[in-house]
Each structure stands twice: as C-alpha cells, then as structure tokens.
Amino acid sequence: MRELVEVLAKALVDDPRAVIVTEKEKDRSLVLELRVAPQDMGKVIGKQGRIAKAIRTVVKAMATKEGKRAVVEIGQEH
C-alpha cells in the first residue's frame, strides 16, 4: 500500500523527490503518512479535499480487500 500512495502522490506533485511515505502500525490499523513539499500540498489535497479523499478511498478499498484497516495522513515535509 505504501508503494501505491507513493506512485499516486509522485504523479500529482511538481517535486516528486520530496514525496515520502512511511508506514506505522497503530491501534490495529496501518497508518500511511504522506509527506510532500509545502508548495505541493494543494496539489495533493485538491479543491475541497477531493484528491485527498480519492487517495484515501483507494487505499481503504485495497486495505479492505486484504482484510486490514488503513488510514492516510497527509502533511508537509519539514
């Protein structure tokens, strides 16, 4: 799933080298943290959060298919 989020994010941003996706297990859920350059935040979130919602929907569907629970958190690279 990490690779899926990474590919989707890199296709959206101007600076694909700044895309970082990390996986963590938290409370029986897989948490995927997506970090992008500050100038690319709008591209990943989209108007009214539509792109972020679409990314989360795809990841949730994939996780459900594998019998897991996944959450995508989006933030800026420091």
C-alpha atoms as a PDB file:
ATOM      1  CA  MET A   1       0.000   0.000   0.000  1.00  0.00           C
ATOM      2  CA  ARG A   2       2.906   2.328   0.697  1.00  0.00           C
ATOM      3  CA  GLU A   3       4.027   1.982  -2.915  1.00  0.00           C
ATOM      4  CA  LEU A   4       0.534   2.796  -4.179  1.00  0.00           C
ATOM      5  CA  VAL A   5       0.344   6.036  -2.192  1.00  0.00           C
ATOM      6  CA  GLU A   6       3.866   6.953  -3.294  1.00  0.00           C
ATOM      7  CA  VAL A   7       3.094   6.428  -7.000  1.00  0.00           C
ATOM      8  CA  LEU A   8      -0.151   8.401  -6.777  1.00  0.00           C
ATOM      9  CA  ALA A   9       1.486  11.300  -4.940  1.00  0.00           C
ATOM     10  CA  LYS A  10       4.512  11.471  -7.236  1.00  0.00           C
ATOM     11  CA  ALA A  11       2.196  11.702 -10.246  1.00  0.00           C
ATOM     12  CA  LEU A  12       0.459  14.744  -8.732  1.00  0.00           C
ATOM     13  CA  VAL A  13       3.327  16.904  -7.441  1.00  0.00           C
ATOM     14  CA  ASP A  14       5.943  19.145  -9.071  1.00  0.00           C
ATOM     15  CA  ASP A  15       8.752  17.830  -6.842  1.00  0.00           C
ATOM     16  CA  PRO A  16       8.446  14.011  -6.742  1.00  0.00           C
ATOM     17  CA  ARG A  17      11.796  13.696  -4.921  1.00  0.00           C
ATOM     18  CA  ALA A  18      10.207  15.336  -1.862  1.00  0.00           C
ATOM     19  CA  VAL A  19       7.468  12.686  -1.571  1.00  0.00           C
ATOM     20  CA  ILE A  20       7.964  10.492   1.500  1.00  0.00           C
ATOM     21  CA  VAL A  21       5.550   7.761   2.571  1.00  0.00           C
ATOM     22  CA  THR A  22       6.021   5.915   5.852  1.00  0.00           C
ATOM     23  CA  GLU A  23       4.014   3.044   7.344  1.00  0.00           C
ATOM     24  CA  LYS A  24       3.218   2.621  11.019  1.00  0.00           C
ATOM     25  CA  GLU A  25       1.067   0.167  12.933  1.00  0.00           C
ATOM     26  CA  LYS A  26      -1.222   1.948  15.359  1.00  0.00           C
ATOM     27  CA  ASP A  27      -4.248   0.543  17.191  1.00  0.00           C
ATOM     28  CA  ARG A  28      -4.654  -2.462  14.842  1.00  0.00           C
ATOM     29  CA  SER A  29      -4.577  -0.096  11.842  1.00  0.00           C
ATOM     30  CA  LEU A  30      -1.966   0.655   9.243  1.00  0.00           C
ATOM     31  CA  VAL A  31      -1.181   4.384   9.199  1.00  0.00           C
ATOM     32  CA  LEU A  32       0.371   5.708   5.999  1.00  0.00           C
ATOM     33  CA  GLU A  33       1.963   9.116   6.441  1.00  0.00           C
ATOM     34  CA  LEU A  34       2.343  11.032   3.179  1.00  0.00           C
ATOM     35  CA  ARG A  35       4.754  13.973   3.264  1.00  0.00           C
ATOM     36  CA  VAL A  36       5.202  16.368   0.341  1.00  0.00           C
ATOM     37  CA  ALA A  37       6.951  19.688  -0.274  1.00  0.00           C
ATOM     38  CA  PRO A  38       4.988  22.689   1.097  1.00  0.00           C
ATOM     39  CA  GLN A  39       4.330  24.076  -2.387  1.00  0.00           C
ATOM     40  CA  ASP A  40       2.752  20.744  -3.426  1.00  0.00           C
ATOM     41  CA  MET A  41       0.249  20.452  -0.558  1.00  0.00           C
ATOM     42  CA  GLY A  42      -2.560  21.979  -2.619  1.00  0.00           C
ATOM     43  CA  LYS A  43      -1.999  19.528  -5.450  1.00  0.00           C
ATOM     44  CA  VAL A  44      -2.241  16.533  -3.137  1.00  0.00           C
ATOM     45  CA  ILE A  45      -5.263  17.823  -1.235  1.00  0.00           C
ATOM     46  CA  GLY A  46      -7.154  19.244  -4.224  1.00  0.00           C
ATOM     47  CA  LYS A  47     -10.161  21.534  -4.285  1.00  0.00           C
ATOM     48  CA  GLN A  48     -12.276  20.933  -1.201  1.00  0.00           C
ATOM     49  CA  GLY A  49     -10.105  17.896  -0.395  1.00  0.00           C
ATOM     50  CA  ARG A  50     -11.293  15.841  -3.345  1.00  0.00           C
ATOM     51  CA  ILE A  51      -7.914  14.401  -4.335  1.00  0.00           C
ATOM     52  CA  ALA A  52      -7.009  13.544  -0.728  1.00  0.00           C
ATOM     53  CA  LYS A  53     -10.392  11.868  -0.331  1.00  0.00           C
ATOM     54  CA  ALA A  54      -9.850   9.874  -3.536  1.00  0.00           C
ATOM     55  CA  ILE A  55      -6.410   8.694  -2.353  1.00  0.00           C
ATOM     56  CA  ARG A  56      -7.903   7.643   0.990  1.00  0.00           C
ATOM     57  CA  THR A  57     -10.764   5.824  -0.753  1.00  0.00           C
ATOM     58  CA  VAL A  58      -8.404   3.809  -2.965  1.00  0.00           C
ATOM     59  CA  VAL A  59      -6.191   2.881  -0.006  1.00  0.00           C
ATOM     60  CA  LYS A  60      -9.200   1.951   2.121  1.00  0.00           C
ATOM     61  CA  ALA A  61     -10.551  -0.282  -0.659  1.00  0.00           C
ATOM     62  CA  MET A  62      -7.198  -2.007  -1.036  1.00  0.00           C
ATOM     63  CA  ALA A  63      -6.895  -2.496   2.723  1.00  0.00           C
ATOM     64  CA  THR A  64     -10.423  -3.879   2.984  1.00  0.00           C
ATOM     65  CA  LYS A  65      -9.644  -6.343   0.206  1.00  0.00           C
ATOM     66  CA  GLU A  66      -6.669  -7.559   2.253  1.00  0.00           C
ATOM     67  CA  GLY A  67      -8.751  -7.697   5.450  1.00  0.00           C
ATOM     68  CA  LYS A  68      -6.961  -4.756   7.041  1.00  0.00           C
ATOM     69  CA  ARG A  69      -7.732  -1.213   8.099  1.00  0.00           C
ATOM     70  CA  ALA A  70      -5.667   1.677   6.727  1.00  0.00           C
ATOM     71  CA  VAL A  71      -5.543   5.430   7.339  1.00  0.00           C
ATOM     72  CA  VAL A  72      -3.742   8.023   5.186  1.00  0.00           C
ATOM     73  CA  GLU A  73      -2.359  11.131   6.891  1.00  0.00           C
ATOM     74  CA  ILE A  74      -1.130  13.972   4.685  1.00  0.00           C
ATOM     75  CA  GLY A  75       1.361  16.601   5.784  1.00  0.00           C
ATOM     76  CA  GLN A  76       4.262  18.795   4.744  1.00  0.00           C
ATOM     77  CA  GLU A  77       7.852  17.675   4.610  1.00  0.00           C
ATOM     78  CA  HIS A  78       9.925  19.599   7.127  1.00  0.00           C
END
